[in-house]
N, C-alpha and C. Protein backbone atom coordinates (compact mmCIF):
# COMPACT_ATOMS: atom_id res chain seq x y z
N UNK A 1 110.52 51.45 63.85
CA UNK A 1 111.96 51.49 63.98
C UNK A 1 112.43 50.42 64.96
N UNK A 2 111.93 50.44 66.18
CA UNK A 2 112.40 49.50 67.19
C UNK A 2 111.80 48.12 67.00
N UNK A 3 110.72 48.01 66.26
CA UNK A 3 110.05 46.72 66.09
C UNK A 3 110.89 45.73 65.29
N UNK A 4 111.86 46.22 64.51
CA UNK A 4 112.70 45.27 63.77
C UNK A 4 113.68 44.57 64.71
N UNK A 5 113.91 45.12 65.90
CA UNK A 5 114.75 44.47 66.91
C UNK A 5 113.92 43.45 67.68
N UNK A 6 112.84 43.91 68.30
CA UNK A 6 111.95 43.05 69.09
C UNK A 6 110.71 43.87 69.46
N UNK A 7 109.59 43.21 69.69
CA UNK A 7 108.41 43.98 70.13
C UNK A 7 108.60 44.48 71.56
N UNK A 8 108.29 45.74 71.81
CA UNK A 8 108.50 46.28 73.16
C UNK A 8 107.36 45.90 74.11
N UNK A 9 107.68 45.89 75.40
CA UNK A 9 106.66 45.71 76.43
C UNK A 9 105.96 47.04 76.65
N UNK A 10 106.73 48.11 76.69
CA UNK A 10 106.19 49.44 76.96
C UNK A 10 107.00 50.47 76.19
N UNK A 11 106.31 51.50 75.74
CA UNK A 11 106.95 52.63 75.07
C UNK A 11 106.30 53.89 75.60
N UNK A 12 107.12 54.80 76.08
CA UNK A 12 106.59 56.06 76.61
C UNK A 12 107.40 57.22 76.06
N UNK A 13 106.71 58.17 75.44
CA UNK A 13 107.32 59.40 74.95
C UNK A 13 107.05 60.47 75.99
N UNK A 14 108.08 61.23 76.34
CA UNK A 14 107.94 62.23 77.39
C UNK A 14 107.58 63.59 76.79
N UNK A 15 106.57 64.22 77.40
CA UNK A 15 106.08 65.52 76.96
C UNK A 15 106.24 66.54 78.07
N UNK A 16 106.45 67.79 77.67
CA UNK A 16 106.53 68.89 78.64
C UNK A 16 105.15 69.08 79.26
N UNK A 17 105.06 69.17 80.59
CA UNK A 17 103.75 69.24 81.23
C UNK A 17 102.94 70.49 80.89
N UNK A 18 103.60 71.59 80.59
CA UNK A 18 102.88 72.83 80.30
C UNK A 18 102.59 72.99 78.81
N UNK A 19 103.61 72.83 77.99
CA UNK A 19 103.46 73.07 76.55
C UNK A 19 102.94 71.85 75.79
N UNK A 20 103.02 70.69 76.39
CA UNK A 20 102.59 69.42 75.78
C UNK A 20 103.38 69.06 74.53
N UNK A 21 104.55 69.66 74.35
CA UNK A 21 105.43 69.31 73.24
C UNK A 21 106.36 68.19 73.70
N UNK A 22 106.71 67.31 72.76
CA UNK A 22 107.60 66.22 73.15
C UNK A 22 108.98 66.79 73.48
N UNK A 23 109.64 66.14 74.41
CA UNK A 23 110.93 66.63 74.90
C UNK A 23 112.11 65.95 74.22
N UNK A 24 111.83 65.12 73.23
CA UNK A 24 112.90 64.43 72.52
C UNK A 24 113.43 63.25 73.29
N UNK A 25 112.65 62.74 74.23
CA UNK A 25 113.07 61.59 75.03
C UNK A 25 111.97 60.54 75.04
N UNK A 26 112.38 59.29 75.12
CA UNK A 26 111.43 58.20 75.23
C UNK A 26 112.06 57.08 76.03
N UNK A 27 111.21 56.20 76.53
CA UNK A 27 111.67 55.02 77.25
C UNK A 27 111.03 53.81 76.58
N UNK A 28 111.84 52.84 76.23
CA UNK A 28 111.35 51.60 75.63
C UNK A 28 111.76 50.46 76.55
N UNK A 29 110.80 49.62 76.90
CA UNK A 29 111.07 48.46 77.75
C UNK A 29 110.94 47.21 76.88
N UNK A 30 112.00 46.40 76.87
CA UNK A 30 112.00 45.16 76.12
C UNK A 30 111.86 43.98 77.08
N UNK A 31 111.59 42.81 76.52
CA UNK A 31 111.40 41.61 77.32
C UNK A 31 112.69 41.17 78.00
N UNK A 32 113.80 41.29 77.31
CA UNK A 32 115.06 40.79 77.86
C UNK A 32 116.17 41.83 77.70
N UNK A 33 117.22 41.61 78.47
CA UNK A 33 118.39 42.47 78.37
C UNK A 33 119.02 42.34 76.99
N UNK A 34 119.01 41.13 76.43
CA UNK A 34 119.62 40.91 75.12
C UNK A 34 118.94 41.76 74.04
N UNK A 35 117.61 41.85 74.10
CA UNK A 35 116.89 42.68 73.13
C UNK A 35 117.23 44.15 73.32
N UNK A 36 117.27 44.60 74.56
CA UNK A 36 117.61 45.99 74.85
C UNK A 36 119.04 46.30 74.40
N UNK A 37 119.95 45.38 74.66
CA UNK A 37 121.34 45.57 74.28
C UNK A 37 121.48 45.65 72.76
N UNK A 38 120.75 44.81 72.06
CA UNK A 38 120.77 44.83 70.60
C UNK A 38 120.26 46.18 70.07
N UNK A 39 119.22 46.72 70.70
CA UNK A 39 118.69 48.02 70.31
C UNK A 39 119.73 49.12 70.53
N UNK A 40 120.38 49.10 71.68
CA UNK A 40 121.40 50.12 71.98
C UNK A 40 122.54 50.04 70.97
N UNK A 41 122.99 48.83 70.66
CA UNK A 41 124.08 48.68 69.68
C UNK A 41 123.66 49.18 68.30
N UNK A 42 122.41 48.94 67.93
CA UNK A 42 121.92 49.32 66.61
C UNK A 42 121.72 50.83 66.46
N UNK A 43 121.17 51.48 67.49
CA UNK A 43 120.72 52.87 67.32
C UNK A 43 121.54 53.93 68.06
N UNK A 44 122.35 53.58 69.00
CA UNK A 44 123.12 54.59 69.74
C UNK A 44 124.07 55.33 68.80
N UNK A 45 123.96 56.63 68.79
CA UNK A 45 124.84 57.46 67.97
C UNK A 45 124.34 57.71 66.56
N UNK A 46 123.24 57.07 66.16
CA UNK A 46 122.71 57.27 64.82
C UNK A 46 121.93 58.57 64.73
N UNK A 47 121.83 59.08 63.52
CA UNK A 47 121.04 60.28 63.26
C UNK A 47 119.68 59.86 62.72
N UNK A 48 118.62 60.28 63.41
CA UNK A 48 117.26 59.98 62.99
C UNK A 48 116.49 61.29 62.96
N UNK A 49 115.90 61.60 61.81
CA UNK A 49 115.14 62.84 61.61
C UNK A 49 115.95 64.07 62.00
N UNK A 50 117.24 64.06 61.69
CA UNK A 50 118.10 65.20 61.92
C UNK A 50 118.67 65.33 63.31
N UNK A 51 118.32 64.44 64.21
CA UNK A 51 118.84 64.49 65.58
C UNK A 51 119.61 63.23 65.92
N UNK A 52 120.64 63.39 66.71
CA UNK A 52 121.44 62.24 67.10
C UNK A 52 120.75 61.50 68.25
N UNK A 53 120.65 60.18 68.10
CA UNK A 53 120.01 59.34 69.10
C UNK A 53 121.05 58.88 70.11
N UNK A 54 120.73 59.02 71.38
CA UNK A 54 121.58 58.52 72.45
C UNK A 54 120.78 57.48 73.21
N UNK A 55 121.26 56.25 73.21
CA UNK A 55 120.57 55.15 73.89
C UNK A 55 121.42 54.67 75.05
N UNK A 56 120.76 54.27 76.12
CA UNK A 56 121.48 53.71 77.26
C UNK A 56 120.59 52.71 77.98
N UNK A 57 121.21 51.89 78.80
CA UNK A 57 120.50 50.89 79.60
C UNK A 57 120.19 51.45 80.97
N UNK A 58 119.06 51.03 81.52
CA UNK A 58 118.77 51.21 82.94
C UNK A 58 118.86 49.80 83.51
N UNK A 59 120.04 49.38 83.97
CA UNK A 59 120.25 47.98 84.32
C UNK A 59 119.38 47.47 85.45
N UNK A 60 118.85 48.35 86.26
CA UNK A 60 118.04 47.91 87.39
C UNK A 60 116.55 48.14 87.15
N UNK A 61 116.21 48.66 85.99
CA UNK A 61 114.80 48.96 85.63
C UNK A 61 114.14 49.85 86.67
N UNK A 62 114.92 50.66 87.35
CA UNK A 62 114.37 51.50 88.42
C UNK A 62 113.37 52.51 87.86
N UNK A 63 113.71 53.11 86.74
CA UNK A 63 112.84 54.15 86.21
C UNK A 63 111.48 53.58 85.82
N UNK A 64 111.48 52.39 85.23
CA UNK A 64 110.24 51.74 84.82
C UNK A 64 109.35 51.47 86.03
N UNK A 65 109.91 50.97 87.11
CA UNK A 65 109.12 50.66 88.30
C UNK A 65 108.61 51.93 88.98
N UNK A 66 109.37 52.99 88.95
CA UNK A 66 108.91 54.26 89.53
C UNK A 66 107.70 54.77 88.75
N UNK A 67 107.78 54.73 87.43
CA UNK A 67 106.66 55.19 86.60
C UNK A 67 105.42 54.33 86.86
N UNK A 68 105.58 53.01 86.90
CA UNK A 68 104.44 52.13 87.12
C UNK A 68 103.83 52.35 88.50
N UNK A 69 104.65 52.65 89.49
CA UNK A 69 104.15 52.90 90.84
C UNK A 69 103.26 54.15 90.86
N UNK A 70 103.73 55.21 90.23
CA UNK A 70 102.98 56.46 90.26
C UNK A 70 101.80 56.47 89.29
N UNK A 71 101.82 55.61 88.30
CA UNK A 71 100.69 55.49 87.38
C UNK A 71 99.47 54.91 88.09
N UNK A 72 99.72 53.98 88.97
CA UNK A 72 98.62 53.30 89.68
C UNK A 72 98.26 54.12 90.85
């Protein structure tokens, strides 16, 4: 789905720590803001597999750096 926009740097699907079921959230990191913006314009508000997709930017990439810090 997202590969038609641009190849991602990182993709992470979030799972519940106890049940191990996906929580319906993911984080995709693109190379540039332009690629991320194109993805948001393309998919925000669309219905995929019966659920509405909500896309947004993390303009400071704070969440990505927090995850990478705790991963290491």
